Amino acid sequence: MKKKFKAESQRLLDMMINSIYTHKEIFLREIISNASDAIDKMCYLALTDKSVGMSRSDFEIIITLDKENRTLTVSDNGIGMNEEDLEKNLGTIAFSGSKKFAEEVEKADKEKSGAASLADQVDIIGQFGVGFYSAFMVADKVEVVTKKYGEDKAYRWVSEGAGGYTIEEAERDGHGTDVIMHIREDGESTAST
């Protein structure tokens, strides 16, 4: 079932695509920044829970260009998202999961005496939560396939822009997220750079 963005989100998406960003290539930096944030969250979990069994060198961001199908995919093995996270982080434009994460880390740091602030060490980019939607400057459709660490189900979020989005169950082997951007013909030269 297709869900609609809230009215203010539709206006923000249109404004952002058409005027906030002056250089189309910024979309790739924003998508990679989101992947990096997800890895930071997973790395933090690995530092605080030894059962995770991952070290910093285990994390990766992979960029795949499929010219034949006109897709650009950014994949990570970060914390991933469940259905609720998708609804909260991608269903409401300008919600910042990264900002909330930074606030939670800072609160936990304050509760520990004498510990250096992890919040100062975690690089949080795109605190206003709009960077993900810059993908629509070059893509006419964006898919997000994701699986949250510690959970069995994966989900697929799909949107063609301000018209709304769908969320359904999907398949993904491990935790993390794939952002699959279907590049428009007029966005091709930017996406291939």
N, C-alpha and C. Protein backbone atom coordinates (compact mmCIF):
# COMPACT_ATOMS: atom_id res chain seq x y z
N MET A 1 0.84 -1.19 0.00
CA MET A 1 0.00 0.00 0.00
C MET A 1 0.88 1.25 0.00
N LYS A 2 0.57 2.17 -0.90
CA LYS A 2 1.36 3.38 -1.00
C LYS A 2 1.00 4.35 0.11
N LYS A 3 2.03 4.91 0.77
CA LYS A 3 1.83 5.89 1.82
C LYS A 3 2.28 7.24 1.31
N LYS A 4 1.60 8.27 1.75
CA LYS A 4 1.95 9.62 1.32
C LYS A 4 2.85 10.28 2.34
N PHE A 5 3.80 11.09 1.84
CA PHE A 5 4.57 11.93 2.74
C PHE A 5 3.62 12.96 3.33
N LYS A 6 3.94 13.44 4.50
CA LYS A 6 3.15 14.53 5.07
C LYS A 6 3.26 15.75 4.17
N ALA A 7 2.26 16.62 4.21
CA ALA A 7 2.22 17.77 3.29
C ALA A 7 3.48 18.61 3.39
N GLU A 8 3.97 18.84 4.61
CA GLU A 8 5.17 19.67 4.76
C GLU A 8 6.38 18.95 4.18
N SER A 9 6.38 17.61 4.23
CA SER A 9 7.48 16.84 3.65
C SER A 9 7.46 16.94 2.14
N GLN A 10 6.28 16.90 1.53
CA GLN A 10 6.18 17.04 0.08
C GLN A 10 6.74 18.38 -0.37
N ARG A 11 6.39 19.45 0.35
CA ARG A 11 6.88 20.79 -0.01
C ARG A 11 8.40 20.86 0.15
N LEU A 12 8.91 20.29 1.24
CA LEU A 12 10.34 20.31 1.49
C LEU A 12 11.10 19.52 0.43
N LEU A 13 10.57 18.36 0.04
CA LEU A 13 11.22 17.55 -0.98
C LEU A 13 11.31 18.32 -2.29
N ASP A 14 10.22 18.94 -2.69
CA ASP A 14 10.21 19.71 -3.93
C ASP A 14 11.20 20.87 -3.86
N MET A 15 11.19 21.58 -2.74
CA MET A 15 12.08 22.72 -2.56
C MET A 15 13.54 22.28 -2.58
N MET A 16 13.83 21.16 -1.90
CA MET A 16 15.20 20.70 -1.81
C MET A 16 15.74 20.27 -3.16
N ILE A 17 14.95 19.52 -3.90
CA ILE A 17 15.39 19.04 -5.21
C ILE A 17 15.64 20.21 -6.16
N ASN A 18 14.81 21.23 -6.06
CA ASN A 18 14.88 22.32 -7.02
C ASN A 18 15.71 23.52 -6.59
N SER A 19 16.03 23.64 -5.29
CA SER A 19 16.76 24.85 -4.92
C SER A 19 17.78 24.72 -3.80
N ILE A 20 17.65 23.79 -2.88
CA ILE A 20 18.61 23.75 -1.77
C ILE A 20 20.00 23.38 -2.26
N TYR A 21 20.10 22.36 -3.10
CA TYR A 21 21.39 21.93 -3.61
C TYR A 21 21.64 22.55 -4.98
N THR A 22 22.80 23.18 -5.16
CA THR A 22 23.11 23.82 -6.43
C THR A 22 23.92 22.89 -7.33
N HIS A 23 24.56 21.87 -6.77
CA HIS A 23 25.35 20.92 -7.55
C HIS A 23 24.75 19.53 -7.39
N LYS A 24 24.33 18.94 -8.50
CA LYS A 24 23.67 17.63 -8.44
C LYS A 24 24.54 16.54 -7.84
N GLU A 25 25.86 16.63 -8.05
CA GLU A 25 26.73 15.56 -7.58
C GLU A 25 26.76 15.44 -6.05
N ILE A 26 26.20 16.40 -5.35
CA ILE A 26 26.18 16.36 -3.89
C ILE A 26 25.42 15.14 -3.38
N PHE A 27 24.50 14.59 -4.20
CA PHE A 27 23.68 13.47 -3.76
C PHE A 27 24.54 12.29 -3.33
N LEU A 28 25.65 12.04 -4.04
CA LEU A 28 26.48 10.88 -3.72
C LEU A 28 27.16 11.05 -2.36
N ARG A 29 27.63 12.26 -2.09
CA ARG A 29 28.22 12.53 -0.78
C ARG A 29 27.21 12.31 0.33
N GLU A 30 25.98 12.75 0.11
CA GLU A 30 24.94 12.60 1.13
C GLU A 30 24.60 11.14 1.38
N ILE A 31 24.49 10.34 0.33
CA ILE A 31 24.15 8.92 0.48
C ILE A 31 25.30 8.18 1.18
N ILE A 32 26.55 8.50 0.80
CA ILE A 32 27.70 7.89 1.46
C ILE A 32 27.77 8.32 2.92
N SER A 33 27.43 9.57 3.21
CA SER A 33 27.41 10.05 4.59
C SER A 33 26.41 9.27 5.44
N ASN A 34 25.25 8.97 4.85
CA ASN A 34 24.25 8.18 5.58
C ASN A 34 24.78 6.77 5.85
N ALA A 35 25.46 6.18 4.87
CA ALA A 35 26.05 4.85 5.05
C ALA A 35 27.11 4.89 6.14
N SER A 36 27.90 5.95 6.15
CA SER A 36 28.93 6.11 7.17
C SER A 36 28.31 6.24 8.57
N ASP A 37 27.22 6.99 8.65
CA ASP A 37 26.50 7.12 9.94
C ASP A 37 26.02 5.76 10.44
N ALA A 38 25.49 4.94 9.51
CA ALA A 38 25.00 3.60 9.88
C ALA A 38 26.14 2.72 10.37
N ILE A 39 27.30 2.86 9.75
CA ILE A 39 28.48 2.11 10.18
C ILE A 39 28.95 2.61 11.54
N ASP A 40 28.93 3.93 11.76
CA ASP A 40 29.31 4.47 13.07
C ASP A 40 28.41 3.90 14.18
N LYS A 41 27.13 3.78 13.89
CA LYS A 41 26.20 3.23 14.88
C LYS A 41 26.51 1.77 15.17
N MET A 42 26.83 1.01 14.11
CA MET A 42 27.17 -0.40 14.29
C MET A 42 28.50 -0.55 15.01
N CYS A 43 29.45 0.30 14.70
CA CYS A 43 30.76 0.29 15.35
C CYS A 43 30.60 0.60 16.84
N TYR A 44 29.77 1.57 17.16
CA TYR A 44 29.51 1.91 18.55
C TYR A 44 28.90 0.71 19.28
N LEU A 45 27.96 0.03 18.63
CA LEU A 45 27.36 -1.17 19.23
C LEU A 45 28.43 -2.24 19.45
N ALA A 46 29.33 -2.42 18.48
CA ALA A 46 30.40 -3.41 18.61
C ALA A 46 31.35 -3.07 19.76
N LEU A 47 31.55 -1.77 20.02
CA LEU A 47 32.41 -1.36 21.13
C LEU A 47 31.76 -1.60 22.49
N THR A 48 30.44 -1.49 22.52
CA THR A 48 29.73 -1.62 23.80
C THR A 48 29.16 -3.01 24.04
N ASP A 49 29.13 -3.86 23.01
CA ASP A 49 28.59 -5.22 23.13
C ASP A 49 29.54 -6.18 22.40
N LYS A 50 30.37 -6.87 23.17
CA LYS A 50 31.40 -7.74 22.59
C LYS A 50 30.81 -8.90 21.79
N SER A 51 29.53 -9.24 22.01
CA SER A 51 28.92 -10.35 21.27
C SER A 51 28.72 -10.01 19.79
N VAL A 52 28.81 -8.73 19.42
CA VAL A 52 28.69 -8.32 18.02
C VAL A 52 29.82 -8.93 17.20
N GLY A 53 31.02 -8.95 17.77
CA GLY A 53 32.15 -9.61 17.13
C GLY A 53 32.67 -8.95 15.87
N MET A 54 32.56 -7.63 15.76
CA MET A 54 33.07 -6.91 14.60
C MET A 54 34.06 -5.86 15.05
N SER A 55 35.05 -5.58 14.21
CA SER A 55 35.98 -4.49 14.48
C SER A 55 35.86 -3.47 13.36
N ARG A 56 36.46 -2.32 13.54
CA ARG A 56 36.33 -1.22 12.58
C ARG A 56 36.71 -1.66 11.16
N SER A 57 37.69 -2.54 11.03
CA SER A 57 38.13 -2.97 9.70
C SER A 57 37.13 -3.87 8.98
N ASP A 58 36.10 -4.35 9.69
CA ASP A 58 35.09 -5.21 9.08
C ASP A 58 34.02 -4.43 8.32
N PHE A 59 33.96 -3.13 8.53
CA PHE A 59 32.90 -2.33 7.93
C PHE A 59 33.29 -1.83 6.55
N GLU A 60 32.28 -1.73 5.67
CA GLU A 60 32.57 -1.27 4.32
C GLU A 60 31.36 -0.60 3.68
N ILE A 61 31.68 0.28 2.74
CA ILE A 61 30.68 0.90 1.88
C ILE A 61 31.08 0.55 0.46
N ILE A 62 30.16 -0.03 -0.29
CA ILE A 62 30.43 -0.45 -1.66
C ILE A 62 29.52 0.33 -2.60
N ILE A 63 30.13 0.90 -3.65
CA ILE A 63 29.37 1.65 -4.67
C ILE A 63 29.40 0.84 -5.96
N THR A 64 28.21 0.54 -6.50
CA THR A 64 28.10 -0.27 -7.70
C THR A 64 27.31 0.48 -8.77
N LEU A 65 27.91 0.61 -9.94
CA LEU A 65 27.25 1.25 -11.08
C LEU A 65 26.83 0.17 -12.07
N ASP A 66 25.55 0.13 -12.40
CA ASP A 66 25.03 -0.81 -13.39
C ASP A 66 24.50 0.03 -14.56
N LYS A 67 25.34 0.21 -15.58
CA LYS A 67 24.97 1.08 -16.70
C LYS A 67 23.79 0.53 -17.47
N GLU A 68 23.74 -0.79 -17.63
CA GLU A 68 22.66 -1.40 -18.42
C GLU A 68 21.29 -1.14 -17.80
N ASN A 69 21.21 -1.26 -16.48
CA ASN A 69 19.93 -1.04 -15.79
C ASN A 69 19.78 0.37 -15.26
N ARG A 70 20.77 1.22 -15.53
CA ARG A 70 20.75 2.63 -15.11
C ARG A 70 20.56 2.79 -13.61
N THR A 71 21.31 1.99 -12.82
CA THR A 71 21.23 2.10 -11.37
C THR A 71 22.60 2.38 -10.77
N LEU A 72 22.57 3.10 -9.68
CA LEU A 72 23.75 3.34 -8.86
C LEU A 72 23.37 2.89 -7.45
N THR A 73 24.14 1.96 -6.89
CA THR A 73 23.81 1.39 -5.58
C THR A 73 24.92 1.68 -4.59
N VAL A 74 24.53 2.17 -3.42
CA VAL A 74 25.46 2.36 -2.31
C VAL A 74 25.04 1.39 -1.22
N SER A 75 25.94 0.46 -0.89
CA SER A 75 25.65 -0.58 0.10
C SER A 75 26.57 -0.45 1.30
N ASP A 76 26.03 -0.72 2.48
CA ASP A 76 26.85 -0.72 3.68
C ASP A 76 26.48 -1.91 4.55
N ASN A 77 27.33 -2.23 5.50
CA ASN A 77 27.03 -3.27 6.48
C ASN A 77 26.94 -2.65 7.87
N GLY A 78 26.27 -1.50 7.92
CA GLY A 78 26.04 -0.80 9.17
C GLY A 78 24.86 -1.38 9.94
N ILE A 79 24.27 -0.58 10.80
CA ILE A 79 23.24 -1.04 11.74
C ILE A 79 21.96 -1.48 11.04
N GLY A 80 21.65 -0.91 9.87
CA GLY A 80 20.43 -1.26 9.16
C GLY A 80 19.19 -0.67 9.80
N MET A 81 18.04 -0.92 9.19
CA MET A 81 16.78 -0.39 9.70
C MET A 81 15.71 -1.48 9.65
N ASN A 82 14.74 -1.34 10.55
CA ASN A 82 13.56 -2.20 10.49
C ASN A 82 12.41 -1.36 9.92
N GLU A 83 11.21 -1.91 9.89
CA GLU A 83 10.08 -1.20 9.29
C GLU A 83 9.79 0.11 10.02
N GLU A 84 9.85 0.08 11.33
CA GLU A 84 9.59 1.29 12.12
C GLU A 84 10.64 2.36 11.82
N ASP A 85 11.91 1.96 11.72
CA ASP A 85 12.97 2.92 11.40
C ASP A 85 12.77 3.53 10.02
N LEU A 86 12.37 2.71 9.04
CA LEU A 86 12.12 3.23 7.69
C LEU A 86 11.02 4.26 7.71
N GLU A 87 9.95 3.95 8.42
CA GLU A 87 8.82 4.87 8.52
C GLU A 87 9.25 6.19 9.16
N LYS A 88 10.01 6.08 10.22
CA LYS A 88 10.43 7.27 10.98
C LYS A 88 11.49 8.07 10.23
N ASN A 89 12.51 7.38 9.68
CA ASN A 89 13.64 8.07 9.07
C ASN A 89 13.42 8.48 7.62
N LEU A 90 12.66 7.67 6.86
CA LEU A 90 12.46 8.00 5.44
C LEU A 90 11.03 8.43 5.14
N GLY A 91 10.09 8.11 5.99
CA GLY A 91 8.71 8.50 5.77
C GLY A 91 8.44 9.94 6.17
N THR A 92 9.31 10.49 7.00
CA THR A 92 9.17 11.88 7.44
C THR A 92 10.43 12.62 7.06
N ILE A 93 10.36 13.42 6.04
CA ILE A 93 11.52 14.18 5.60
C ILE A 93 11.89 15.18 6.68
N ALA A 94 13.19 15.28 6.91
CA ALA A 94 13.78 16.18 7.90
C ALA A 94 13.80 15.58 9.29
N PHE A 95 13.42 14.31 9.47
CA PHE A 95 13.65 13.64 10.74
C PHE A 95 15.09 13.18 10.72
N SER A 96 15.81 13.41 11.79
CA SER A 96 17.22 13.02 11.79
C SER A 96 17.51 11.92 12.78
N GLY A 97 17.62 10.70 12.28
CA GLY A 97 18.03 9.59 13.11
C GLY A 97 19.44 9.79 13.63
N SER A 98 20.29 10.41 12.83
CA SER A 98 21.67 10.65 13.25
C SER A 98 21.73 11.64 14.40
N LYS A 99 20.92 12.68 14.33
CA LYS A 99 20.91 13.66 15.41
C LYS A 99 20.44 13.00 16.70
N LYS A 100 19.39 12.17 16.61
CA LYS A 100 18.88 11.47 17.79
C LYS A 100 19.95 10.55 18.36
N PHE A 101 20.67 9.84 17.48
CA PHE A 101 21.73 8.95 17.92
C PHE A 101 22.80 9.73 18.67
N ALA A 102 23.22 10.87 18.14
CA ALA A 102 24.24 11.68 18.79
C ALA A 102 23.79 12.13 20.17
N GLU A 103 22.51 12.50 20.28
CA GLU A 103 21.98 12.92 21.57
C GLU A 103 21.98 11.77 22.58
N GLU A 104 21.65 10.54 22.11
CA GLU A 104 21.65 9.38 22.99
C GLU A 104 23.06 9.03 23.46
N VAL A 105 24.04 9.12 22.55
CA VAL A 105 25.43 8.84 22.91
C VAL A 105 25.92 9.86 23.93
N GLU A 106 25.59 11.14 23.70
CA GLU A 106 26.01 12.19 24.62
C GLU A 106 25.40 11.97 26.00
N LYS A 107 24.15 11.58 26.06
CA LYS A 107 23.49 11.31 27.34
C LYS A 107 24.17 10.15 28.06
N ALA A 108 24.49 9.07 27.32
CA ALA A 108 25.17 7.92 27.92
C ALA A 108 26.56 8.30 28.42
N ASP A 109 27.26 9.16 27.66
CA ASP A 109 28.59 9.61 28.07
C ASP A 109 28.55 10.39 29.37
N LYS A 110 27.52 11.22 29.53
CA LYS A 110 27.41 12.04 30.74
C LYS A 110 27.17 11.18 31.96
N GLU A 111 26.55 10.00 31.75
CA GLU A 111 26.27 9.10 32.86
C GLU A 111 27.52 8.35 33.32
N LYS A 112 28.54 8.29 32.47
CA LYS A 112 29.80 7.62 32.82
C LYS A 112 30.79 8.68 33.29
N SER A 113 31.37 8.48 34.45
CA SER A 113 32.31 9.48 34.96
C SER A 113 33.70 9.25 34.39
N GLY A 114 34.33 10.33 34.00
CA GLY A 114 35.71 10.29 33.53
C GLY A 114 35.91 9.75 32.12
N ALA A 115 34.86 9.35 31.42
CA ALA A 115 35.03 8.79 30.08
C ALA A 115 35.06 9.91 29.05
N ALA A 116 35.92 9.76 28.05
CA ALA A 116 35.95 10.74 26.95
C ALA A 116 34.64 10.64 26.18
N SER A 117 34.16 11.76 25.70
CA SER A 117 32.87 11.79 25.01
C SER A 117 32.95 11.10 23.65
N LEU A 118 32.16 10.01 23.50
CA LEU A 118 32.08 9.34 22.20
C LEU A 118 31.34 10.22 21.20
N ALA A 119 30.43 11.05 21.71
CA ALA A 119 29.68 11.92 20.81
C ALA A 119 30.62 12.84 20.04
N ASP A 120 31.75 13.22 20.67
CA ASP A 120 32.72 14.08 20.00
C ASP A 120 33.48 13.31 18.93
N GLN A 121 33.54 11.98 19.06
CA GLN A 121 34.30 11.16 18.12
C GLN A 121 33.45 10.70 16.94
N VAL A 122 32.13 10.67 17.08
CA VAL A 122 31.26 10.17 16.02
C VAL A 122 30.93 11.34 15.09
N ASP A 123 31.29 11.21 13.81
CA ASP A 123 31.05 12.27 12.85
C ASP A 123 29.62 12.16 12.33
N ILE A 124 28.78 13.09 12.70
CA ILE A 124 27.38 13.07 12.29
C ILE A 124 27.18 14.13 11.21
N ILE A 125 26.83 13.66 10.02
CA ILE A 125 26.66 14.55 8.88
C ILE A 125 25.18 14.60 8.52
N GLY A 126 24.72 15.71 8.04
CA GLY A 126 23.33 15.81 7.59
C GLY A 126 22.36 15.81 8.75
N GLN A 127 22.64 16.62 9.77
CA GLN A 127 21.82 16.57 10.98
C GLN A 127 20.36 16.93 10.75
N PHE A 128 20.04 17.54 9.65
CA PHE A 128 18.65 17.90 9.42
C PHE A 128 17.89 16.81 8.67
N GLY A 129 18.56 15.73 8.33
CA GLY A 129 17.88 14.56 7.78
C GLY A 129 17.34 14.73 6.37
N VAL A 130 17.81 15.71 5.63
CA VAL A 130 17.29 15.90 4.28
C VAL A 130 18.22 15.36 3.20
N GLY A 131 19.45 15.04 3.54
CA GLY A 131 20.45 14.65 2.55
C GLY A 131 20.06 13.46 1.70
N PHE A 132 19.39 12.47 2.30
CA PHE A 132 18.98 11.28 1.57
C PHE A 132 18.15 11.65 0.35
N TYR A 133 17.29 12.63 0.47
CA TYR A 133 16.36 12.99 -0.60
C TYR A 133 17.02 13.72 -1.75
N SER A 134 18.31 14.09 -1.59
CA SER A 134 19.03 14.68 -2.72
C SER A 134 19.18 13.66 -3.85
N ALA A 135 19.01 12.37 -3.56
CA ALA A 135 19.07 11.33 -4.60
C ALA A 135 18.04 11.59 -5.69
N PHE A 136 16.93 12.23 -5.35
CA PHE A 136 15.89 12.49 -6.35
C PHE A 136 16.27 13.58 -7.34
N MET A 137 17.41 14.25 -7.13
CA MET A 137 17.88 15.19 -8.13
C MET A 137 18.35 14.45 -9.38
N VAL A 138 18.80 13.20 -9.21
CA VAL A 138 19.31 12.43 -10.35
C VAL A 138 18.52 11.16 -10.61
N ALA A 139 17.71 10.74 -9.64
CA ALA A 139 16.99 9.47 -9.77
C ALA A 139 15.49 9.72 -9.86
N ASP A 140 14.81 8.91 -10.69
CA ASP A 140 13.35 9.01 -10.74
C ASP A 140 12.70 7.97 -9.82
N LYS A 141 13.53 7.09 -9.25
CA LYS A 141 13.03 6.09 -8.32
C LYS A 141 14.19 5.71 -7.40
N VAL A 142 13.89 5.59 -6.10
CA VAL A 142 14.90 5.18 -5.12
C VAL A 142 14.35 4.01 -4.33
N GLU A 143 15.15 2.96 -4.23
CA GLU A 143 14.80 1.80 -3.42
C GLU A 143 15.81 1.70 -2.27
N VAL A 144 15.32 1.33 -1.10
CA VAL A 144 16.18 1.08 0.05
C VAL A 144 15.85 -0.32 0.54
N VAL A 145 16.83 -1.22 0.47
CA VAL A 145 16.66 -2.57 0.99
C VAL A 145 17.54 -2.65 2.23
N THR A 146 16.94 -2.99 3.36
CA THR A 146 17.67 -2.90 4.62
C THR A 146 17.26 -3.98 5.61
N LYS A 147 18.21 -4.34 6.45
CA LYS A 147 17.96 -5.31 7.51
C LYS A 147 18.69 -4.84 8.75
N LYS A 148 17.96 -4.69 9.84
CA LYS A 148 18.53 -4.20 11.09
C LYS A 148 19.30 -5.30 11.80
N TYR A 149 20.43 -4.93 12.37
CA TYR A 149 21.24 -5.88 13.13
C TYR A 149 20.39 -6.52 14.23
N GLY A 150 20.49 -7.84 14.35
CA GLY A 150 19.79 -8.57 15.39
C GLY A 150 18.36 -8.94 15.06
N GLU A 151 17.88 -8.56 13.88
CA GLU A 151 16.50 -8.87 13.49
C GLU A 151 16.48 -9.80 12.28
N ASP A 152 15.38 -10.55 12.14
CA ASP A 152 15.27 -11.56 11.08
C ASP A 152 14.74 -11.02 9.76
N LYS A 153 13.90 -9.99 9.83
CA LYS A 153 13.24 -9.50 8.62
C LYS A 153 13.99 -8.34 7.97
N ALA A 154 13.97 -8.36 6.64
CA ALA A 154 14.49 -7.24 5.86
C ALA A 154 13.30 -6.53 5.21
N TYR A 155 13.51 -5.28 4.84
CA TYR A 155 12.42 -4.48 4.26
C TYR A 155 12.92 -3.71 3.05
N ARG A 156 11.96 -3.42 2.15
CA ARG A 156 12.23 -2.60 0.96
C ARG A 156 11.33 -1.37 1.02
N TRP A 157 11.96 -0.19 0.96
CA TRP A 157 11.27 1.10 0.89
C TRP A 157 11.46 1.59 -0.54
N VAL A 158 10.37 1.99 -1.20
CA VAL A 158 10.47 2.46 -2.59
C VAL A 158 9.69 3.76 -2.74
N SER A 159 10.30 4.71 -3.44
CA SER A 159 9.62 5.97 -3.72
C SER A 159 10.04 6.51 -5.08
N GLU A 160 9.11 7.18 -5.72
CA GLU A 160 9.39 7.87 -6.98
C GLU A 160 9.31 9.37 -6.78
N GLY A 161 9.47 9.81 -5.54
CA GLY A 161 9.48 11.24 -5.24
C GLY A 161 8.33 11.65 -4.34
N ALA A 162 7.86 12.87 -4.52
CA ALA A 162 6.89 13.46 -3.62
C ALA A 162 5.55 12.74 -3.59
N GLY A 163 5.30 11.85 -4.54
CA GLY A 163 4.03 11.13 -4.57
C GLY A 163 3.83 10.16 -3.42
N GLY A 164 4.89 9.77 -2.75
CA GLY A 164 4.75 8.87 -1.62
C GLY A 164 5.74 7.71 -1.70
N TYR A 165 5.48 6.67 -0.92
CA TYR A 165 6.41 5.55 -0.82
C TYR A 165 5.68 4.29 -0.40
N THR A 166 6.33 3.16 -0.60
CA THR A 166 5.81 1.88 -0.12
C THR A 166 6.89 1.21 0.73
N ILE A 167 6.44 0.37 1.66
CA ILE A 167 7.35 -0.45 2.46
C ILE A 167 6.80 -1.87 2.42
N GLU A 168 7.69 -2.83 2.11
CA GLU A 168 7.28 -4.23 2.09
C GLU A 168 8.45 -5.09 2.58
N GLU A 169 8.15 -6.32 2.94
CA GLU A 169 9.20 -7.24 3.36
C GLU A 169 10.06 -7.58 2.15
N ALA A 170 11.36 -7.85 2.41
CA ALA A 170 12.30 -8.14 1.33
C ALA A 170 13.30 -9.18 1.82
N GLU A 171 14.30 -9.44 1.00
CA GLU A 171 15.37 -10.38 1.34
C GLU A 171 16.69 -9.64 1.36
N ARG A 172 17.48 -9.89 2.39
CA ARG A 172 18.85 -9.37 2.46
C ARG A 172 19.62 -10.30 3.37
N ASP A 173 20.81 -10.74 2.94
CA ASP A 173 21.56 -11.72 3.71
C ASP A 173 21.98 -11.23 5.09
N GLY A 174 22.65 -10.11 5.16
CA GLY A 174 23.15 -9.62 6.44
C GLY A 174 22.59 -8.26 6.78
N HIS A 175 22.96 -7.74 7.95
CA HIS A 175 22.51 -6.42 8.36
C HIS A 175 23.16 -5.35 7.48
N GLY A 176 22.48 -4.23 7.38
CA GLY A 176 22.99 -3.12 6.58
C GLY A 176 21.93 -2.63 5.61
N THR A 177 22.35 -1.78 4.69
CA THR A 177 21.41 -1.10 3.79
C THR A 177 21.98 -0.98 2.39
N ASP A 178 21.11 -1.18 1.40
CA ASP A 178 21.42 -0.91 -0.01
C ASP A 178 20.51 0.22 -0.45
N VAL A 179 21.08 1.31 -0.94
CA VAL A 179 20.30 2.40 -1.53
C VAL A 179 20.49 2.29 -3.03
N ILE A 180 19.41 1.95 -3.74
CA ILE A 180 19.46 1.72 -5.19
C ILE A 180 18.77 2.89 -5.88
N MET A 181 19.56 3.66 -6.61
CA MET A 181 19.03 4.84 -7.29
C MET A 181 18.88 4.54 -8.77
N HIS A 182 17.66 4.67 -9.29
CA HIS A 182 17.38 4.47 -10.71
C HIS A 182 17.57 5.82 -11.40
N ILE A 183 18.67 5.95 -12.13
CA ILE A 183 19.10 7.24 -12.65
C ILE A 183 18.26 7.68 -13.85
N ARG A 184 17.76 8.92 -13.76
CA ARG A 184 17.03 9.51 -14.89
C ARG A 184 18.00 9.79 -16.04
N GLU A 185 17.49 9.88 -17.24
CA GLU A 185 18.36 10.18 -18.38
C GLU A 185 19.04 11.52 -18.22
N ASP A 186 18.34 12.52 -17.68
CA ASP A 186 18.97 13.83 -17.50
C ASP A 186 19.90 13.86 -16.29
N GLY A 187 19.94 12.79 -15.49
CA GLY A 187 20.83 12.72 -14.34
C GLY A 187 22.05 11.87 -14.60
N GLU A 188 22.14 11.30 -15.80
CA GLU A 188 23.18 10.33 -16.11
C GLU A 188 24.58 10.89 -16.04
N SER A 189 24.81 12.08 -16.60
CA SER A 189 26.16 12.62 -16.63
C SER A 189 26.67 12.91 -15.22
N THR A 190 25.79 13.33 -14.33
CA THR A 190 26.17 13.58 -12.95
C THR A 190 26.49 12.30 -12.22
N ALA A 191 25.65 11.27 -12.40
CA ALA A 191 25.81 10.02 -11.67
C ALA A 191 27.04 9.26 -12.10
N SER A 192 27.51 9.46 -13.32
CA SER A 192 28.66 8.70 -13.81
C SER A 192 29.98 9.37 -13.48
N THR A 193 29.93 10.57 -12.89
CA THR A 193 31.17 11.27 -12.56
C THR A 193 31.70 10.82 -11.23
